[in-house]
Amino acid sequence: MSQSEGYKDSRQFARFELLEYAMIFNKDTDVSTRSVIIDVSLGGLQVRSRHKFPIGANYLLNIGRAESEPLVVEAEARYCIQIEDTDLYATGFRCLPATTSQRMQWVDYVHAIFQSQGEHLVG
């Protein structure tokens, strides 16, 4: 996604790439959307899905994790851009943990991804 597509990149945190399954729940309608997380940071994450998420709306993200219970975090849609020549959308979410415990769960999740990728690079 480039700035020429109407999105200004204003990220504050480093992003870590991954492919992980997530369900995104609209809190107002109870509608869920399957998606794939493609990158995460301390501030949020980006997903790919076939759903166009309204910018500014809040959702519950249920992130599947193979080795433990799913992580549930509230997040706000910050951008949603259709990927050219596909029926997919790239959506950026800003995480909005409501409690210190939720914030720590998110930090632990991102740290585990960072650690895993670092170990993979070191070999």
C-alpha atoms as a PDB file:
ATOM      1  CA  MET A   1       0.000   0.000   0.000  1.00  0.00           C
ATOM      2  CA  SER A   2       1.503   3.238  -1.054  1.00  0.00           C
ATOM      3  CA  GLN A   3       0.674   6.791  -0.143  1.00  0.00           C
ATOM      4  CA  SER A   4      -0.577   7.250  -3.694  1.00  0.00           C
ATOM      5  CA  GLU A   5      -3.456   4.882  -2.844  1.00  0.00           C
ATOM      6  CA  GLY A   6      -4.757   7.388  -0.317  1.00  0.00           C
ATOM      7  CA  TYR A   7      -3.212   5.901   2.816  1.00  0.00           C
ATOM      8  CA  LYS A   8      -0.542   7.736   4.772  1.00  0.00           C
ATOM      9  CA  ASP A   9       1.666   5.338   6.737  1.00  0.00           C
ATOM     10  CA  SER A  10       1.910   6.726  10.260  1.00  0.00           C
ATOM     11  CA  ARG A  11       3.103   3.627  12.113  1.00  0.00           C
ATOM     12  CA  GLN A  12       4.885   4.148  15.412  1.00  0.00           C
ATOM     13  CA  PHE A  13       6.024   0.555  15.963  1.00  0.00           C
ATOM     14  CA  ALA A  14       7.986  -2.035  13.980  1.00  0.00           C
ATOM     15  CA  ARG A  15       5.855  -4.611  12.163  1.00  0.00           C
ATOM     16  CA  PHE A  16       6.417  -8.358  12.247  1.00  0.00           C
ATOM     17  CA  GLU A  17       5.104 -10.469   9.384  1.00  0.00           C
ATOM     18  CA  LEU A  18       3.148 -13.668   9.958  1.00  0.00           C
ATOM     19  CA  LEU A  19       0.202 -15.657   8.673  1.00  0.00           C
ATOM     20  CA  GLU A  20      -2.306 -16.423  11.388  1.00  0.00           C
ATOM     21  CA  TYR A  21      -6.031 -17.042  11.413  1.00  0.00           C
ATOM     22  CA  ALA A  22      -8.409 -14.581  13.106  1.00  0.00           C
ATOM     23  CA  MET A  23     -12.147 -14.042  13.450  1.00  0.00           C
ATOM     24  CA  ILE A  24     -13.326 -10.462  13.537  1.00  0.00           C
ATOM     25  CA  PHE A  25     -16.613  -9.774  15.316  1.00  0.00           C
ATOM     26  CA  ASN A  26     -18.736  -6.695  14.794  1.00  0.00           C
ATOM     27  CA  LYS A  27     -19.806  -5.790  18.322  1.00  0.00           C
ATOM     28  CA  ASP A  28     -23.056  -4.175  17.157  1.00  0.00           C
ATOM     29  CA  THR A  29     -24.355  -6.912  14.846  1.00  0.00           C
ATOM     30  CA  ASP A  30     -22.669 -10.112  16.080  1.00  0.00           C
ATOM     31  CA  VAL A  31     -21.536 -10.735  12.488  1.00  0.00           C
ATOM     32  CA  SER A  32     -18.150 -12.457  12.220  1.00  0.00           C
ATOM     33  CA  THR A  33     -15.605 -12.335   9.413  1.00  0.00           C
ATOM     34  CA  ARG A  34     -12.810 -14.828   8.764  1.00  0.00           C
ATOM     35  CA  SER A  35      -9.478 -13.197   8.087  1.00  0.00           C
ATOM     36  CA  VAL A  36      -5.736 -13.782   7.971  1.00  0.00           C
ATOM     37  CA  ILE A  37      -3.323 -11.625   9.932  1.00  0.00           C
ATOM     38  CA  ILE A  38      -0.336 -10.655   7.815  1.00  0.00           C
ATOM     39  CA  ASP A  39       1.556  -8.440  10.234  1.00  0.00           C
ATOM     40  CA  VAL A  40       1.444  -7.222  13.831  1.00  0.00           C
ATOM     41  CA  SER A  41       3.021  -4.531  15.985  1.00  0.00           C
ATOM     42  CA  LEU A  42       2.578  -3.252  19.503  1.00  0.00           C
ATOM     43  CA  GLY A  43       0.033  -0.770  18.148  1.00  0.00           C
ATOM     44  CA  GLY A  44      -2.070  -3.049  15.972  1.00  0.00           C
ATOM     45  CA  LEU A  45      -2.231  -5.430  13.066  1.00  0.00           C
ATOM     46  CA  GLN A  46      -3.147  -5.789   9.414  1.00  0.00           C
ATOM     47  CA  VAL A  47      -5.475  -8.442   8.033  1.00  0.00           C
ATOM     48  CA  ARG A  48      -6.646  -9.680   4.659  1.00  0.00           C
ATOM     49  CA  SER A  49     -10.301 -10.587   4.193  1.00  0.00           C
ATOM     50  CA  ARG A  50     -13.149 -10.377   1.723  1.00  0.00           C
ATOM     51  CA  HIS A  51     -14.995  -7.902   3.931  1.00  0.00           C
ATOM     52  CA  LYS A  52     -14.799  -4.121   3.711  1.00  0.00           C
ATOM     53  CA  PHE A  53     -14.595  -2.843   7.299  1.00  0.00           C
ATOM     54  CA  PRO A  54     -15.895   0.689   7.931  1.00  0.00           C
ATOM     55  CA  ILE A  55     -13.103   2.991   9.091  1.00  0.00           C
ATOM     56  CA  GLY A  56     -13.503   4.079  12.707  1.00  0.00           C
ATOM     57  CA  ALA A  57     -15.700   1.143  13.731  1.00  0.00           C
ATOM     58  CA  ASN A  58     -14.699  -1.032  16.700  1.00  0.00           C
ATOM     59  CA  TYR A  59     -14.451  -4.817  16.562  1.00  0.00           C
ATOM     60  CA  LEU A  60     -13.442  -7.775  18.691  1.00  0.00           C
ATOM     61  CA  LEU A  61     -10.567  -9.736  17.172  1.00  0.00           C
ATOM     62  CA  ASN A  62     -10.313 -13.373  18.152  1.00  0.00           C
ATOM     63  CA  ILE A  63      -6.826 -14.530  17.214  1.00  0.00           C
ATOM     64  CA  GLY A  64      -6.270 -18.273  17.047  1.00  0.00           C
ATOM     65  CA  ARG A  65      -3.069 -19.526  18.655  1.00  0.00           C
ATOM     66  CA  ALA A  66      -1.874 -23.101  18.262  1.00  0.00           C
ATOM     67  CA  GLU A  67      -0.293 -23.479  21.684  1.00  0.00           C
ATOM     68  CA  SER A  68      -2.761 -21.609  23.913  1.00  0.00           C
ATOM     69  CA  GLU A  69      -6.252 -20.149  24.113  1.00  0.00           C
ATOM     70  CA  PRO A  70      -7.242 -17.588  21.494  1.00  0.00           C
ATOM     71  CA  LEU A  71      -6.332 -13.986  22.194  1.00  0.00           C
ATOM     72  CA  VAL A  72      -9.311 -11.604  22.183  1.00  0.00           C
ATOM     73  CA  VAL A  73      -8.616  -7.900  21.735  1.00  0.00           C
ATOM     74  CA  GLU A  74     -10.771  -4.900  20.910  1.00  0.00           C
ATOM     75  CA  ALA A  75      -9.585  -2.899  17.916  1.00  0.00           C
ATOM     76  CA  GLU A  76     -10.559   0.013  15.699  1.00  0.00           C
ATOM     77  CA  ALA A  77     -10.452  -0.176  11.891  1.00  0.00           C
ATOM     78  CA  ARG A  78      -8.025   2.550  10.764  1.00  0.00           C
ATOM     79  CA  TYR A  79      -7.980   1.895   7.007  1.00  0.00           C
ATOM     80  CA  CYS A  80      -9.505  -0.557   4.570  1.00  0.00           C
ATOM     81  CA  ILE A  81      -8.151  -0.724   1.032  1.00  0.00           C
ATOM     82  CA  GLN A  82      -9.164  -3.121  -1.714  1.00  0.00           C
ATOM     83  CA  ILE A  83      -6.203  -5.016  -3.120  1.00  0.00           C
ATOM     84  CA  GLU A  84      -5.982  -4.403  -6.836  1.00  0.00           C
ATOM     85  CA  ASP A  85      -7.310  -7.170  -9.119  1.00  0.00           C
ATOM     86  CA  THR A  86      -8.673  -9.230  -6.191  1.00  0.00           C
ATOM     87  CA  ASP A  87     -11.765  -9.492  -4.034  1.00  0.00           C
ATOM     88  CA  LEU A  88      -9.626  -8.994  -0.915  1.00  0.00           C
ATOM     89  CA  TYR A  89      -9.256  -5.996   1.386  1.00  0.00           C
ATOM     90  CA  ALA A  90      -6.225  -4.992   3.455  1.00  0.00           C
ATOM     91  CA  THR A  91      -7.462  -3.619   6.764  1.00  0.00           C
ATOM     92  CA  GLY A  92      -5.376  -2.042   9.482  1.00  0.00           C
ATOM     93  CA  PHE A  93      -6.594  -2.249  13.062  1.00  0.00           C
ATOM     94  CA  ARG A  94      -5.392  -0.249  16.051  1.00  0.00           C
ATOM     95  CA  CYS A  95      -5.548  -2.327  19.222  1.00  0.00           C
ATOM     96  CA  LEU A  96      -7.572  -0.867  22.085  1.00  0.00           C
ATOM     97  CA  PRO A  97      -6.897  -3.037  25.145  1.00  0.00           C
ATOM     98  CA  ALA A  98      -9.276  -1.924  27.905  1.00  0.00           C
ATOM     99  CA  THR A  99      -7.293  -3.219  30.886  1.00  0.00           C
ATOM    100  CA  THR A 100      -3.691  -3.634  31.932  1.00  0.00           C
ATOM    101  CA  SER A 101      -4.148  -7.400  31.701  1.00  0.00           C
ATOM    102  CA  GLN A 102      -5.357  -7.156  28.086  1.00  0.00           C
ATOM    103  CA  ARG A 103      -2.486  -4.806  27.233  1.00  0.00           C
ATOM    104  CA  MET A 104       0.016  -7.281  28.702  1.00  0.00           C
ATOM    105  CA  GLN A 105      -1.546 -10.182  26.771  1.00  0.00           C
ATOM    106  CA  TRP A 106      -1.124  -8.181  23.550  1.00  0.00           C
ATOM    107  CA  VAL A 107       2.497  -7.280  24.379  1.00  0.00           C
ATOM    108  CA  ASP A 108       3.257 -10.934  25.198  1.00  0.00           C
ATOM    109  CA  TYR A 109       1.689 -12.028  21.886  1.00  0.00           C
ATOM    110  CA  VAL A 110       3.737  -9.549  19.814  1.00  0.00           C
ATOM    111  CA  HIS A 111       6.889 -10.366  21.784  1.00  0.00           C
ATOM    112  CA  ALA A 112       6.445 -14.094  21.129  1.00  0.00           C
ATOM    113  CA  ILE A 113       6.228 -13.393  17.374  1.00  0.00           C
ATOM    114  CA  PHE A 114       9.314 -11.186  17.517  1.00  0.00           C
ATOM    115  CA  GLN A 115      11.218 -13.812  19.493  1.00  0.00           C
ATOM    116  CA  SER A 116      10.184 -16.603  17.124  1.00  0.00           C
ATOM    117  CA  GLN A 117      11.252 -14.641  14.056  1.00  0.00           C
ATOM    118  CA  GLY A 118      14.556 -13.703  15.686  1.00  0.00           C
ATOM    119  CA  GLU A 119      15.296 -17.331  16.534  1.00  0.00           C
ATOM    120  CA  HIS A 120      14.443 -18.339  12.977  1.00  0.00           C
ATOM    121  CA  LEU A 121      16.879 -15.771  11.567  1.00  0.00           C
ATOM    122  CA  VAL A 122      19.668 -16.864  13.892  1.00  0.00           C
ATOM    123  CA  GLY A 123      19.090 -20.456  12.862  1.00  0.00           C
END
